[in-house]
Amino acid sequence: MEWRQYIQITPGVRSGKPCIVGTRITPADVLDYLAGGMSEEEILRDFLSLKPEHIRAVLAYAAERERRYANHTAA
């Protein structure tokens, strides 16, 4: 999954935080919903601008950030 086509930073939108393209929804928002117990179907129903590929992009984005963090902090 190439998340970069779905997530970008736009100056002035959500204080420069990464957002799903065309929305003001951040990857952290989606991860919080998932961690809170919402299903993918519930998220898609509540946020009509999102598609399944957006949620997969958020997961790919988070996985890449975790890998970078783990590599950076490895002793």
PDB file of N, CA and C in Angstrom:
ATOM      1  N   MET A   1       0.850  -1.186   0.000  1.00  0.00           N
ATOM      2  CA  MET A   1       0.000   0.000   0.000  1.00  0.00           C
ATOM      3  C   MET A   1       0.884   1.234   0.000  1.00  0.00           C
ATOM      4  N   GLU A   2       0.685   2.083  -0.960  1.00  0.00           N
ATOM      5  CA  GLU A   2       1.430   3.348  -1.030  1.00  0.00           C
ATOM      6  C   GLU A   2       0.570   4.430  -0.370  1.00  0.00           C
ATOM      7  N   TRP A   3       0.812   4.644   0.909  1.00  0.00           N
ATOM      8  CA  TRP A   3      -0.020   5.558   1.685  1.00  0.00           C
ATOM      9  C   TRP A   3       0.132   7.013   1.265  1.00  0.00           C
ATOM     10  N   ARG A   4       1.255   7.363   0.636  1.00  0.00           N
ATOM     11  CA  ARG A   4       1.517   8.771   0.304  1.00  0.00           C
ATOM     12  C   ARG A   4       0.496   9.370  -0.656  1.00  0.00           C
ATOM     13  N   GLN A   5      -0.189   8.545  -1.415  1.00  0.00           N
ATOM     14  CA  GLN A   5      -1.222   9.098  -2.303  1.00  0.00           C
ATOM     15  C   GLN A   5      -2.513   9.405  -1.557  1.00  0.00           C
ATOM     16  N   TYR A   6      -2.613   8.942  -0.315  1.00  0.00           N
ATOM     17  CA  TYR A   6      -3.819   9.142   0.471  1.00  0.00           C
ATOM     18  C   TYR A   6      -3.637  10.063   1.675  1.00  0.00           C
ATOM     19  N   ILE A   7      -2.403  10.271   2.100  1.00  0.00           N
ATOM     20  CA  ILE A   7      -2.134  11.078   3.296  1.00  0.00           C
ATOM     21  C   ILE A   7      -1.091  12.127   2.948  1.00  0.00           C
ATOM     22  N   GLN A   8      -1.385  13.375   3.297  1.00  0.00           N
ATOM     23  CA  GLN A   8      -0.431  14.448   3.021  1.00  0.00           C
ATOM     24  C   GLN A   8      -0.576  15.560   4.047  1.00  0.00           C
ATOM     25  N   ILE A   9       0.418  16.403   4.067  1.00  0.00           N
ATOM     26  CA  ILE A   9       0.398  17.569   4.951  1.00  0.00           C
ATOM     27  C   ILE A   9       0.091  18.792   4.094  1.00  0.00           C
ATOM     28  N   THR A  10      -0.908  19.544   4.519  1.00  0.00           N
ATOM     29  CA  THR A  10      -1.271  20.775   3.830  1.00  0.00           C
ATOM     30  C   THR A  10      -1.151  21.908   4.841  1.00  0.00           C
ATOM     31  N   PRO A  11      -0.232  22.855   4.602  1.00  0.00           N
ATOM     32  CA  PRO A  11      -0.093  23.969   5.547  1.00  0.00           C
ATOM     33  C   PRO A  11      -1.444  24.645   5.781  1.00  0.00           C
ATOM     34  N   GLY A  12      -1.719  24.936   7.048  1.00  0.00           N
ATOM     35  CA  GLY A  12      -2.955  25.611   7.399  1.00  0.00           C
ATOM     36  C   GLY A  12      -4.130  24.686   7.679  1.00  0.00           C
ATOM     37  N   VAL A  13      -3.969  23.400   7.388  1.00  0.00           N
ATOM     38  CA  VAL A  13      -5.023  22.439   7.662  1.00  0.00           C
ATOM     39  C   VAL A  13      -4.621  21.631   8.882  1.00  0.00           C
ATOM     40  N   ARG A  14      -5.449  21.663   9.910  1.00  0.00           N
ATOM     41  CA  ARG A  14      -5.201  20.934  11.163  1.00  0.00           C
ATOM     42  C   ARG A  14      -3.804  21.212  11.717  1.00  0.00           C
ATOM     43  N   SER A  15      -3.401  22.454  11.643  1.00  0.00           N
ATOM     44  CA  SER A  15      -2.101  22.910  12.166  1.00  0.00           C
ATOM     45  C   SER A  15      -0.927  22.176  11.534  1.00  0.00           C
ATOM     46  N   GLY A  16      -1.080  21.800  10.272  1.00  0.00           N
ATOM     47  CA  GLY A  16       0.011  21.150   9.554  1.00  0.00           C
ATOM     48  C   GLY A  16       0.175  19.671   9.855  1.00  0.00           C
ATOM     49  N   LYS A  17      -0.811  19.071  10.506  1.00  0.00           N
ATOM     50  CA  LYS A  17      -0.747  17.636  10.775  1.00  0.00           C
ATOM     51  C   LYS A  17      -1.069  16.868   9.491  1.00  0.00           C
ATOM     52  N   PRO A  18      -0.532  15.655   9.356  1.00  0.00           N
ATOM     53  CA  PRO A  18      -0.915  14.835   8.199  1.00  0.00           C
ATOM     54  C   PRO A  18      -2.426  14.587   8.230  1.00  0.00           C
ATOM     55  N   CYS A  19      -3.050  14.644   7.058  1.00  0.00           N
ATOM     56  CA  CYS A  19      -4.483  14.392   6.930  1.00  0.00           C
ATOM     57  C   CYS A  19      -4.735  13.505   5.722  1.00  0.00           C
ATOM     58  N   ILE A  20      -5.855  12.829   5.750  1.00  0.00           N
ATOM     59  CA  ILE A  20      -6.288  12.074   4.583  1.00  0.00           C
ATOM     60  C   ILE A  20      -6.667  13.094   3.514  1.00  0.00           C
ATOM     61  N   VAL A  21      -6.165  12.900   2.325  1.00  0.00           N
ATOM     62  CA  VAL A  21      -6.340  13.856   1.231  1.00  0.00           C
ATOM     63  C   VAL A  21      -7.821  14.197   1.053  1.00  0.00           C
ATOM     64  N   GLY A  22      -8.080  15.496   0.961  1.00  0.00           N
ATOM     65  CA  GLY A  22      -9.433  15.986   0.737  1.00  0.00           C
ATOM     66  C   GLY A  22     -10.290  16.049   1.986  1.00  0.00           C
ATOM     67  N   THR A  23      -9.687  15.757   3.143  1.00  0.00           N
ATOM     68  CA  THR A  23     -10.435  15.801   4.406  1.00  0.00           C
ATOM     69  C   THR A  23      -9.605  16.541   5.447  1.00  0.00           C
ATOM     70  N   ARG A  24     -10.180  16.675   6.624  1.00  0.00           N
ATOM     71  CA  ARG A  24      -9.451  17.210   7.770  1.00  0.00           C
ATOM     72  C   ARG A  24      -9.259  16.107   8.808  1.00  0.00           C
ATOM     73  N   ILE A  25      -9.387  14.869   8.356  1.00  0.00           N
ATOM     74  CA  ILE A  25      -9.270  13.704   9.227  1.00  0.00           C
ATOM     75  C   ILE A  25      -7.811  13.249   9.241  1.00  0.00           C
ATOM     76  N   THR A  26      -7.229  13.168  10.436  1.00  0.00           N
ATOM     77  CA  THR A  26      -5.829  12.761  10.555  1.00  0.00           C
ATOM     78  C   THR A  26      -5.728  11.246  10.721  1.00  0.00           C
ATOM     79  N   PRO A  27      -4.567  10.687  10.393  1.00  0.00           N
ATOM     80  CA  PRO A  27      -4.346   9.274  10.688  1.00  0.00           C
ATOM     81  C   PRO A  27      -4.550   8.970  12.170  1.00  0.00           C
ATOM     82  N   ALA A  28      -4.124   9.893  13.038  1.00  0.00           N
ATOM     83  CA  ALA A  28      -4.309   9.692  14.477  1.00  0.00           C
ATOM     84  C   ALA A  28      -5.791   9.592  14.834  1.00  0.00           C
ATOM     85  N   ASP A  29      -6.635  10.369  14.173  1.00  0.00           N
ATOM     86  CA  ASP A  29      -8.080  10.278  14.414  1.00  0.00           C
ATOM     87  C   ASP A  29      -8.566   8.864  14.123  1.00  0.00           C
ATOM     88  N   VAL A  30      -8.208   8.357  12.953  1.00  0.00           N
ATOM     89  CA  VAL A  30      -8.663   7.026  12.535  1.00  0.00           C
ATOM     90  C   VAL A  30      -8.113   5.960  13.472  1.00  0.00           C
ATOM     91  N   LEU A  31      -6.841   6.070  13.832  1.00  0.00           N
ATOM     92  CA  LEU A  31      -6.255   5.100  14.759  1.00  0.00           C
ATOM     93  C   LEU A  31      -6.942   5.151  16.116  1.00  0.00           C
ATOM     94  N   ASP A  32      -7.283   6.340  16.585  1.00  0.00           N
ATOM     95  CA  ASP A  32      -8.008   6.473  17.850  1.00  0.00           C
ATOM     96  C   ASP A  32      -9.379   5.791  17.775  1.00  0.00           C
ATOM     97  N   TYR A  33     -10.076   5.967  16.658  1.00  0.00           N
ATOM     98  CA  TYR A  33     -11.379   5.320  16.505  1.00  0.00           C
ATOM     99  C   TYR A  33     -11.230   3.801  16.528  1.00  0.00           C
ATOM    100  N   LEU A  34     -10.242   3.294  15.798  1.00  0.00           N
ATOM    101  CA  LEU A  34     -10.012   1.841  15.776  1.00  0.00           C
ATOM    102  C   LEU A  34      -9.622   1.334  17.158  1.00  0.00           C
ATOM    103  N   ALA A  35      -8.728   2.038  17.822  1.00  0.00           N
ATOM    104  CA  ALA A  35      -8.288   1.636  19.161  1.00  0.00           C
ATOM    105  C   ALA A  35      -9.438   1.702  20.167  1.00  0.00           C
ATOM    106  N   GLY A  36     -10.373   2.592  19.923  1.00  0.00           N
ATOM    107  CA  GLY A  36     -11.522   2.730  20.802  1.00  0.00           C
ATOM    108  C   GLY A  36     -12.602   1.682  20.569  1.00  0.00           C
ATOM    109  N   GLY A  37     -12.387   0.845  19.553  1.00  0.00           N
ATOM    110  CA  GLY A  37     -13.325  -0.243  19.318  1.00  0.00           C
ATOM    111  C   GLY A  37     -14.234  -0.084  18.121  1.00  0.00           C
ATOM    112  N   MET A  38     -14.135   1.048  17.419  1.00  0.00           N
ATOM    113  CA  MET A  38     -14.962   1.204  16.220  1.00  0.00           C
ATOM    114  C   MET A  38     -14.469   0.242  15.143  1.00  0.00           C
ATOM    115  N   SER A  39     -15.404  -0.326  14.420  1.00  0.00           N
ATOM    116  CA  SER A  39     -15.032  -1.178  13.298  1.00  0.00           C
ATOM    117  C   SER A  39     -14.788  -0.307  12.063  1.00  0.00           C
ATOM    118  N   GLU A  40     -14.144  -0.891  11.079  1.00  0.00           N
ATOM    119  CA  GLU A  40     -13.935  -0.165   9.827  1.00  0.00           C
ATOM    120  C   GLU A  40     -15.278   0.257   9.248  1.00  0.00           C
ATOM    121  N   GLU A  41     -16.262  -0.615   9.306  1.00  0.00           N
ATOM    122  CA  GLU A  41     -17.584  -0.312   8.761  1.00  0.00           C
ATOM    123  C   GLU A  41     -18.223   0.878   9.490  1.00  0.00           C
ATOM    124  N   GLU A  42     -18.061   0.938  10.804  1.00  0.00           N
ATOM    125  CA  GLU A  42     -18.611   2.056  11.568  1.00  0.00           C
ATOM    126  C   GLU A  42     -17.934   3.360  11.195  1.00  0.00           C
ATOM    127  N   ILE A  43     -16.630   3.330  11.036  1.00  0.00           N
ATOM    128  CA  ILE A  43     -15.889   4.537  10.649  1.00  0.00           C
ATOM    129  C   ILE A  43     -16.347   5.007   9.280  1.00  0.00           C
ATOM    130  N   LEU A  44     -16.452   4.081   8.342  1.00  0.00           N
ATOM    131  CA  LEU A  44     -16.868   4.450   6.986  1.00  0.00           C
ATOM    132  C   LEU A  44     -18.303   4.977   6.970  1.00  0.00           C
ATOM    133  N   ARG A  45     -19.144   4.451   7.825  1.00  0.00           N
ATOM    134  CA  ARG A  45     -20.533   4.922   7.904  1.00  0.00           C
ATOM    135  C   ARG A  45     -20.601   6.323   8.517  1.00  0.00           C
ATOM    136  N   ASP A  46     -19.751   6.589   9.512  1.00  0.00           N
ATOM    137  CA  ASP A  46     -19.760   7.894  10.177  1.00  0.00           C
ATOM    138  C   ASP A  46     -19.043   8.983   9.383  1.00  0.00           C
ATOM    139  N   PHE A  47     -18.089   8.605   8.563  1.00  0.00           N
ATOM    140  CA  PHE A  47     -17.290   9.560   7.783  1.00  0.00           C
ATOM    141  C   PHE A  47     -17.407   9.186   6.314  1.00  0.00           C
ATOM    142  N   LEU A  48     -18.426   9.720   5.668  1.00  0.00           N
ATOM    143  CA  LEU A  48     -18.760   9.321   4.305  1.00  0.00           C
ATOM    144  C   LEU A  48     -17.679   9.664   3.290  1.00  0.00           C
ATOM    145  N   SER A  49     -16.775  10.576   3.642  1.00  0.00           N
ATOM    146  CA  SER A  49     -15.699  10.927   2.711  1.00  0.00           C
ATOM    147  C   SER A  49     -14.581   9.881   2.707  1.00  0.00           C
ATOM    148  N   LEU A  50     -14.594   8.972   3.670  1.00  0.00           N
ATOM    149  CA  LEU A  50     -13.560   7.937   3.748  1.00  0.00           C
ATOM    150  C   LEU A  50     -13.969   6.689   2.986  1.00  0.00           C
ATOM    151  N   LYS A  51     -12.955   6.014   2.474  1.00  0.00           N
ATOM    152  CA  LYS A  51     -13.131   4.746   1.755  1.00  0.00           C
ATOM    153  C   LYS A  51     -12.223   3.709   2.405  1.00  0.00           C
ATOM    154  N   PRO A  52     -12.463   2.441   2.152  1.00  0.00           N
ATOM    155  CA  PRO A  52     -11.623   1.401   2.759  1.00  0.00           C
ATOM    156  C   PRO A  52     -10.128   1.612   2.508  1.00  0.00           C
ATOM    157  N   GLU A  53      -9.778   2.105   1.341  1.00  0.00           N
ATOM    158  CA  GLU A  53      -8.353   2.318   1.043  1.00  0.00           C
ATOM    159  C   GLU A  53      -7.739   3.393   1.943  1.00  0.00           C
ATOM    160  N   HIS A  54      -8.549   4.333   2.418  1.00  0.00           N
ATOM    161  CA  HIS A  54      -8.041   5.344   3.346  1.00  0.00           C
ATOM    162  C   HIS A  54      -7.634   4.706   4.668  1.00  0.00           C
ATOM    163  N   ILE A  55      -8.447   3.781   5.142  1.00  0.00           N
ATOM    164  CA  ILE A  55      -8.114   3.117   6.404  1.00  0.00           C
ATOM    165  C   ILE A  55      -6.875   2.255   6.233  1.00  0.00           C
ATOM    166  N   ARG A  56      -6.747   1.549   5.117  1.00  0.00           N
ATOM    167  CA  ARG A  56      -5.526   0.770   4.855  1.00  0.00           C
ATOM    168  C   ARG A  56      -4.313   1.680   4.764  1.00  0.00           C
ATOM    169  N   ALA A  57      -4.488   2.869   4.163  1.00  0.00           N
ATOM    170  CA  ALA A  57      -3.378   3.823   4.073  1.00  0.00           C
ATOM    171  C   ALA A  57      -2.966   4.301   5.461  1.00  0.00           C
ATOM    172  N   VAL A  58      -3.930   4.545   6.335  1.00  0.00           N
ATOM    173  CA  VAL A  58      -3.622   4.956   7.707  1.00  0.00           C
ATOM    174  C   VAL A  58      -2.817   3.866   8.403  1.00  0.00           C
ATOM    175  N   LEU A  59      -3.214   2.618   8.235  1.00  0.00           N
ATOM    176  CA  LEU A  59      -2.488   1.513   8.871  1.00  0.00           C
ATOM    177  C   LEU A  59      -1.080   1.384   8.304  1.00  0.00           C
ATOM    178  N   ALA A  60      -0.929   1.547   6.994  1.00  0.00           N
ATOM    179  CA  ALA A  60       0.400   1.488   6.375  1.00  0.00           C
ATOM    180  C   ALA A  60       1.268   2.650   6.866  1.00  0.00           C
ATOM    181  N   TYR A  61       0.685   3.826   6.967  1.00  0.00           N
ATOM    182  CA  TYR A  61       1.378   5.005   7.469  1.00  0.00           C
ATOM    183  C   TYR A  61       1.867   4.758   8.896  1.00  0.00           C
ATOM    184  N   ALA A  62       0.975   4.250   9.741  1.00  0.00           N
ATOM    185  CA  ALA A  62       1.337   3.986  11.139  1.00  0.00           C
ATOM    186  C   ALA A  62       2.419   2.912  11.234  1.00  0.00           C
ATOM    187  N   ALA A  63       2.322   1.888  10.404  1.00  0.00           N
ATOM    188  CA  ALA A  63       3.330   0.827  10.426  1.00  0.00           C
ATOM    189  C   ALA A  63       4.693   1.369  10.017  1.00  0.00           C
ATOM    190  N   GLU A  64       4.730   2.223   9.006  1.00  0.00           N
ATOM    191  CA  GLU A  64       6.005   2.799   8.582  1.00  0.00           C
ATOM    192  C   GLU A  64       6.589   3.698   9.667  1.00  0.00           C
ATOM    193  N   ARG A  65       5.756   4.488  10.291  1.00  0.00           N
ATOM    194  CA  ARG A  65       6.245   5.350  11.384  1.00  0.00           C
ATOM    195  C   ARG A  65       6.780   4.510  12.531  1.00  0.00           C
ATOM    196  N   GLU A  66       6.125   3.413  12.844  1.00  0.00           N
ATOM    197  CA  GLU A  66       6.580   2.532  13.912  1.00  0.00           C
ATOM    198  C   GLU A  66       7.933   1.900  13.558  1.00  0.00           C
ATOM    199  N   ARG A  67       8.082   1.478  12.310  1.00  0.00           N
ATOM    200  CA  ARG A  67       9.375   0.904  11.876  1.00  0.00           C
ATOM    201  C   ARG A  67      10.486   1.939  11.988  1.00  0.00           C
ATOM    202  N   ARG A  68      10.200   3.169  11.552  1.00  0.00           N
ATOM    203  CA  ARG A  68      11.214   4.223  11.653  1.00  0.00           C
ATOM    204  C   ARG A  68      11.563   4.510  13.102  1.00  0.00           C
ATOM    205  N   TYR A  69      10.578   4.553  13.961  1.00  0.00           N
ATOM    206  CA  TYR A  69      10.803   4.808  15.376  1.00  0.00           C
ATOM    207  C   TYR A  69      11.637   3.674  15.982  1.00  0.00           C
ATOM    208  N   ALA A  70      11.283   2.443  15.665  1.00  0.00           N
ATOM    209  CA  ALA A  70      11.991   1.284  16.205  1.00  0.00           C
ATOM    210  C   ALA A  70      13.442   1.280  15.725  1.00  0.00           C
ATOM    211  N   ASN A  71      13.674   1.612  14.478  1.00  0.00           N
ATOM    212  CA  ASN A  71      15.040   1.650  13.945  1.00  0.00           C
ATOM    213  C   ASN A  71      15.844   2.800  14.547  1.00  0.00           C
ATOM    214  N   HIS A  72      15.184   3.901  14.804  1.00  0.00           N
ATOM    215  CA  HIS A  72      15.850   5.068  15.363  1.00  0.00           C
ATOM    216  C   HIS A  72      16.247   4.851  16.820  1.00  0.00           C
ATOM    217  N   THR A  73      15.403   4.125  17.550  1.00  0.00           N
ATOM    218  CA  THR A  73      15.664   3.937  18.975  1.00  0.00           C
ATOM    219  C   THR A  73      16.433   2.662  19.294  1.00  0.00           C
ATOM    220  N   ALA A  74      16.686   1.831  18.266  1.00  0.00           N
ATOM    221  CA  ALA A  74      17.412   0.580  18.511  1.00  0.00           C
ATOM    222  C   ALA A  74      18.841   0.890  18.955  1.00  0.00           C
ATOM    223  N   ALA A  75      19.290   0.151  19.932  1.00  0.00           N
ATOM    224  CA  ALA A  75      20.647   0.394  20.465  1.00  0.00           C
ATOM    225  C   ALA A  75      21.683  -0.415  19.725  1.00  0.00           C
TER     226      ALA A  75
END
